[in-house]
Structure formats: C-alpha cells, structure tokens
Amino acid sequence: MDKVLNYSILLGIFASIAMIFFLLIYIVKKPSIFDKLIASDLLAMPLMCLIVLVSMYYKTFSYISLILIIAIICLVGTVVTARFLAKKEVFSDDTK
C-alpha cells in the first residue's frame, strides 16, 4: 500500500510541475494584462499542491507554513493589481 501511495504522490508532483509549466507559457504568450493576472493567480494553486505533495513524500510538516505565506502573498498581490487596473492607483487619498 505504501508503494501505491508513493507512486500517486509522484504522479501528482509531475502533474503539478506540468501545470506550472503550461501556466508559465500561457503568461508569456497572452498579450492581455487581465489574462496574465488570472494566470498568475491560478499559478499559486498548483504551486501549493506541489508543496503539499513534496511534504507528503518526505513525511514532514515543515513546508506547510510556506503554503500559508504563498496564499497570503497571492491574495494581496491579486487585490492590489486588480485595484490598480480598476482605478489606476493603489492607495486612495481620502483626505480630500
């Protein structure tokens, strides 16, 4: 049973790497900034899956905090980029 689990984890690692590779190609080829924003936001999911699978393969919990950091950075980056594209400013001056 342990052999089947290791093979399925390795298959998931290779699938995550392939998805990351295809998303990077998508980011480079698409001219629209909105497509690049969606693809870069989507890039976080296979990266987090890859980290979970590597953590399962090595039977350690050391990498789990890295997933939370990546999720927070991705959320903040997406919100800031979407706000900039919508209003052309990141921070608004509410003192007027």
N, C-alpha and C. Protein backbone atom coordinates (compact mmCIF):
# COMPACT_ATOMS: atom_id res chain seq x y z
N MET A 1 0.83 -1.20 0.00
CA MET A 1 0.00 0.00 0.00
C MET A 1 0.86 1.25 0.00
N ASP A 2 2.00 1.18 0.68
CA ASP A 2 2.90 2.33 0.72
C ASP A 2 3.47 2.63 -0.66
N LYS A 3 3.67 1.60 -1.46
CA LYS A 3 4.20 1.78 -2.81
C LYS A 3 3.21 2.52 -3.70
N VAL A 4 1.93 2.17 -3.56
CA VAL A 4 0.90 2.84 -4.35
C VAL A 4 0.79 4.31 -3.96
N LEU A 5 0.89 4.60 -2.67
CA LEU A 5 0.83 5.98 -2.21
C LEU A 5 2.01 6.79 -2.73
N ASN A 6 3.20 6.22 -2.71
CA ASN A 6 4.37 6.93 -3.23
C ASN A 6 4.25 7.19 -4.73
N TYR A 7 3.74 6.21 -5.47
CA TYR A 7 3.56 6.42 -6.92
C TYR A 7 2.51 7.48 -7.21
N SER A 8 1.44 7.49 -6.44
CA SER A 8 0.41 8.50 -6.68
C SER A 8 0.90 9.90 -6.28
N ILE A 9 1.72 9.99 -5.24
CA ILE A 9 2.30 11.28 -4.86
C ILE A 9 3.25 11.76 -5.95
N LEU A 10 4.08 10.87 -6.48
CA LEU A 10 5.00 11.26 -7.56
C LEU A 10 4.24 11.67 -8.82
N LEU A 11 3.15 10.97 -9.12
CA LEU A 11 2.32 11.36 -10.26
C LEU A 11 1.72 12.74 -10.06
N GLY A 12 1.27 13.03 -8.85
CA GLY A 12 0.74 14.35 -8.54
C GLY A 12 1.80 15.43 -8.62
N ILE A 13 3.03 15.11 -8.21
CA ILE A 13 4.13 16.08 -8.32
C ILE A 13 4.41 16.40 -9.77
N PHE A 14 4.48 15.39 -10.61
CA PHE A 14 4.73 15.64 -12.03
C PHE A 14 3.58 16.37 -12.69
N ALA A 15 2.35 16.08 -12.30
CA ALA A 15 1.19 16.80 -12.85
C ALA A 15 1.22 18.27 -12.43
N SER A 16 1.60 18.54 -11.18
CA SER A 16 1.69 19.93 -10.72
C SER A 16 2.79 20.69 -11.45
N ILE A 17 3.92 20.04 -11.67
CA ILE A 17 5.01 20.68 -12.41
C ILE A 17 4.58 20.96 -13.84
N ALA A 18 3.87 20.02 -14.46
CA ALA A 18 3.39 20.23 -15.83
C ALA A 18 2.39 21.39 -15.88
N MET A 19 1.50 21.48 -14.90
CA MET A 19 0.54 22.58 -14.88
C MET A 19 1.23 23.93 -14.69
N ILE A 20 2.25 23.96 -13.83
CA ILE A 20 3.01 25.20 -13.63
C ILE A 20 3.71 25.60 -14.93
N PHE A 21 4.28 24.63 -15.62
CA PHE A 21 4.96 24.90 -16.89
C PHE A 21 3.99 25.46 -17.93
N PHE A 22 2.80 24.85 -18.06
CA PHE A 22 1.83 25.33 -19.04
C PHE A 22 1.27 26.70 -18.67
N LEU A 23 1.11 26.97 -17.39
CA LEU A 23 0.65 28.30 -16.99
C LEU A 23 1.71 29.37 -17.25
N LEU A 24 2.97 29.03 -17.07
CA LEU A 24 4.03 29.99 -17.39
C LEU A 24 4.07 30.29 -18.89
N ILE A 25 3.85 29.28 -19.71
CA ILE A 25 3.77 29.50 -21.16
C ILE A 25 2.57 30.39 -21.48
N TYR A 26 1.44 30.16 -20.82
CA TYR A 26 0.24 30.96 -21.03
C TYR A 26 0.49 32.42 -20.65
N ILE A 27 1.21 32.64 -19.55
CA ILE A 27 1.51 34.01 -19.12
C ILE A 27 2.38 34.72 -20.14
N VAL A 28 3.33 34.01 -20.71
CA VAL A 28 4.25 34.64 -21.67
C VAL A 28 3.54 34.93 -23.00
N LYS A 29 2.66 34.05 -23.44
CA LYS A 29 2.07 34.19 -24.77
C LYS A 29 0.88 35.14 -24.84
N LYS A 30 0.13 35.30 -23.79
CA LYS A 30 -1.07 36.14 -23.85
C LYS A 30 -0.71 37.62 -23.75
N PRO A 31 -1.28 38.46 -24.61
CA PRO A 31 -0.94 39.88 -24.58
C PRO A 31 -1.73 40.69 -23.54
N SER A 32 -2.90 40.22 -23.15
CA SER A 32 -3.75 40.99 -22.26
C SER A 32 -3.25 40.89 -20.82
N ILE A 33 -3.27 42.02 -20.13
CA ILE A 33 -2.83 42.03 -18.75
C ILE A 33 -3.81 41.30 -17.85
N PHE A 34 -5.08 41.27 -18.23
CA PHE A 34 -6.08 40.56 -17.43
C PHE A 34 -5.87 39.05 -17.51
N ASP A 35 -5.51 38.55 -18.69
CA ASP A 35 -5.20 37.12 -18.82
C ASP A 35 -3.97 36.76 -17.99
N LYS A 36 -3.00 37.64 -18.00
CA LYS A 36 -1.79 37.38 -17.21
C LYS A 36 -2.09 37.42 -15.72
N LEU A 37 -2.99 38.31 -15.31
CA LEU A 37 -3.36 38.39 -13.90
C LEU A 37 -4.08 37.12 -13.45
N ILE A 38 -5.00 36.64 -14.26
CA ILE A 38 -5.73 35.41 -13.92
C ILE A 38 -4.78 34.22 -13.89
N ALA A 39 -3.89 34.13 -14.87
CA ALA A 39 -2.95 33.00 -14.92
C ALA A 39 -1.96 33.05 -13.76
N SER A 40 -1.52 34.23 -13.39
CA SER A 40 -0.58 34.31 -12.27
C SER A 40 -1.27 33.99 -10.94
N ASP A 41 -2.55 34.35 -10.84
CA ASP A 41 -3.31 33.98 -9.64
C ASP A 41 -3.56 32.48 -9.62
N LEU A 42 -3.81 31.92 -10.77
CA LEU A 42 -4.05 30.48 -10.88
C LEU A 42 -2.77 29.68 -10.66
N LEU A 43 -1.63 30.31 -10.86
CA LEU A 43 -0.34 29.64 -10.70
C LEU A 43 -0.08 29.25 -9.24
N ALA A 44 -0.70 29.94 -8.32
CA ALA A 44 -0.48 29.65 -6.90
C ALA A 44 -1.05 28.29 -6.50
N MET A 45 -2.14 27.89 -7.11
CA MET A 45 -2.78 26.63 -6.72
C MET A 45 -1.90 25.40 -7.01
N PRO A 46 -1.39 25.21 -8.24
CA PRO A 46 -0.51 24.04 -8.42
C PRO A 46 0.79 24.15 -7.64
N LEU A 47 1.24 25.37 -7.36
CA LEU A 47 2.44 25.53 -6.55
C LEU A 47 2.18 25.07 -5.11
N MET A 48 1.03 25.41 -4.57
CA MET A 48 0.69 24.96 -3.23
C MET A 48 0.46 23.45 -3.20
N CYS A 49 -0.16 22.91 -4.26
CA CYS A 49 -0.34 21.46 -4.35
C CYS A 49 1.01 20.75 -4.42
N LEU A 50 1.93 21.33 -5.16
CA LEU A 50 3.27 20.75 -5.26
C LEU A 50 3.96 20.72 -3.90
N ILE A 51 3.82 21.79 -3.14
CA ILE A 51 4.44 21.84 -1.82
C ILE A 51 3.81 20.81 -0.88
N VAL A 52 2.48 20.66 -0.95
CA VAL A 52 1.81 19.65 -0.11
C VAL A 52 2.28 18.25 -0.48
N LEU A 53 2.39 17.98 -1.78
CA LEU A 53 2.80 16.64 -2.22
C LEU A 53 4.26 16.35 -1.85
N VAL A 54 5.11 17.34 -1.96
CA VAL A 54 6.51 17.15 -1.55
C VAL A 54 6.58 16.92 -0.04
N SER A 55 5.75 17.65 0.71
CA SER A 55 5.70 17.44 2.15
C SER A 55 5.20 16.05 2.50
N MET A 56 4.22 15.55 1.75
CA MET A 56 3.74 14.19 1.98
C MET A 56 4.79 13.16 1.60
N TYR A 57 5.52 13.42 0.53
CA TYR A 57 6.53 12.46 0.07
C TYR A 57 7.65 12.32 1.10
N TYR A 58 8.07 13.44 1.67
CA TYR A 58 9.14 13.40 2.66
C TYR A 58 8.63 13.18 4.09
N LYS A 59 7.32 13.07 4.25
CA LYS A 59 6.68 12.81 5.55
C LYS A 59 7.09 13.84 6.60
N THR A 60 6.94 15.11 6.25
CA THR A 60 7.27 16.19 7.17
C THR A 60 6.20 17.28 7.07
N PHE A 61 6.08 18.06 8.14
CA PHE A 61 5.16 19.18 8.16
C PHE A 61 5.89 20.52 8.05
N SER A 62 7.14 20.49 7.70
CA SER A 62 7.95 21.71 7.69
C SER A 62 7.53 22.69 6.61
N TYR A 63 6.98 22.19 5.53
CA TYR A 63 6.65 23.05 4.39
C TYR A 63 5.24 23.63 4.44
N ILE A 64 4.46 23.25 5.41
CA ILE A 64 3.05 23.66 5.46
C ILE A 64 2.91 25.16 5.70
N SER A 65 3.78 25.74 6.50
CA SER A 65 3.70 27.19 6.74
C SER A 65 4.02 27.98 5.47
N LEU A 66 4.81 27.39 4.60
CA LEU A 66 5.12 28.03 3.32
C LEU A 66 3.87 28.19 2.46
N ILE A 67 2.94 27.25 2.56
CA ILE A 67 1.70 27.33 1.79
C ILE A 67 0.88 28.52 2.24
N LEU A 68 0.81 28.76 3.54
CA LEU A 68 0.06 29.91 4.04
C LEU A 68 0.68 31.22 3.59
N ILE A 69 1.99 31.30 3.57
CA ILE A 69 2.67 32.50 3.12
C ILE A 69 2.40 32.75 1.64
N ILE A 70 2.45 31.71 0.82
CA ILE A 70 2.17 31.85 -0.61
C ILE A 70 0.73 32.29 -0.82
N ALA A 71 -0.21 31.73 -0.08
CA ALA A 71 -1.62 32.09 -0.23
C ALA A 71 -1.86 33.55 0.13
N ILE A 72 -1.24 34.03 1.20
CA ILE A 72 -1.41 35.42 1.61
C ILE A 72 -0.80 36.37 0.59
N ILE A 73 0.41 36.05 0.11
CA ILE A 73 1.05 36.90 -0.89
C ILE A 73 0.25 36.92 -2.18
N CYS A 74 -0.30 35.80 -2.57
CA CYS A 74 -1.11 35.74 -3.79
C CYS A 74 -2.38 36.56 -3.64
N LEU A 75 -3.03 36.47 -2.50
CA LEU A 75 -4.25 37.23 -2.26
C LEU A 75 -3.97 38.73 -2.29
N VAL A 76 -2.96 39.16 -1.59
CA VAL A 76 -2.63 40.59 -1.54
C VAL A 76 -2.20 41.08 -2.93
N GLY A 77 -1.41 40.30 -3.63
CA GLY A 77 -0.98 40.69 -4.97
C GLY A 77 -2.13 40.81 -5.95
N THR A 78 -3.07 39.90 -5.87
CA THR A 78 -4.22 39.95 -6.76
C THR A 78 -5.12 41.15 -6.45
N VAL A 79 -5.35 41.41 -5.18
CA VAL A 79 -6.20 42.55 -4.80
C VAL A 79 -5.55 43.86 -5.20
N VAL A 80 -4.26 44.00 -4.96
CA VAL A 80 -3.57 45.24 -5.31
C VAL A 80 -3.53 45.43 -6.82
N THR A 81 -3.27 44.39 -7.56
CA THR A 81 -3.21 44.50 -9.02
C THR A 81 -4.58 44.81 -9.60
N ALA A 82 -5.62 44.15 -9.11
CA ALA A 82 -6.97 44.43 -9.61
C ALA A 82 -7.40 45.85 -9.26
N ARG A 83 -7.05 46.31 -8.08
CA ARG A 83 -7.40 47.68 -7.70
C ARG A 83 -6.65 48.69 -8.55
N PHE A 84 -5.40 48.40 -8.86
CA PHE A 84 -4.63 49.31 -9.71
C PHE A 84 -5.18 49.34 -11.13
N LEU A 85 -5.57 48.19 -11.65
CA LEU A 85 -6.12 48.16 -13.01
C LEU A 85 -7.49 48.83 -13.08
N ALA A 86 -8.24 48.80 -12.00
CA ALA A 86 -9.56 49.42 -12.00
C ALA A 86 -9.49 50.94 -11.82
N LYS A 87 -8.65 51.42 -10.90
CA LYS A 87 -8.63 52.84 -10.56
C LYS A 87 -7.35 53.57 -10.95
N LYS A 88 -6.35 52.83 -11.42
CA LYS A 88 -5.04 53.39 -11.75
C LYS A 88 -4.31 53.97 -10.55
N GLU A 89 -4.71 53.55 -9.37
CA GLU A 89 -4.00 53.92 -8.15
C GLU A 89 -4.20 52.82 -7.13
N VAL A 90 -3.20 52.59 -6.32
CA VAL A 90 -3.29 51.53 -5.33
C VAL A 90 -3.87 52.05 -4.03
N PHE A 91 -3.37 53.16 -3.56
CA PHE A 91 -3.86 53.78 -2.34
C PHE A 91 -4.63 55.04 -2.69
N SER A 92 -5.82 55.16 -2.16
CA SER A 92 -6.61 56.36 -2.45
C SER A 92 -6.39 57.40 -1.37
N ASP A 93 -6.48 58.65 -1.78
CA ASP A 93 -6.30 59.75 -0.84
C ASP A 93 -7.68 60.20 -0.37
N ASP A 94 -8.08 59.75 0.81
CA ASP A 94 -9.41 60.04 1.32
C ASP A 94 -9.47 61.33 2.12
N THR A 95 -8.39 62.10 2.17
CA THR A 95 -8.37 63.32 2.99
C THR A 95 -8.96 64.50 2.26
N LYS A 96 -9.33 64.34 1.02
CA LYS A 96 -9.85 65.49 0.25
C LYS A 96 -11.23 65.88 0.69
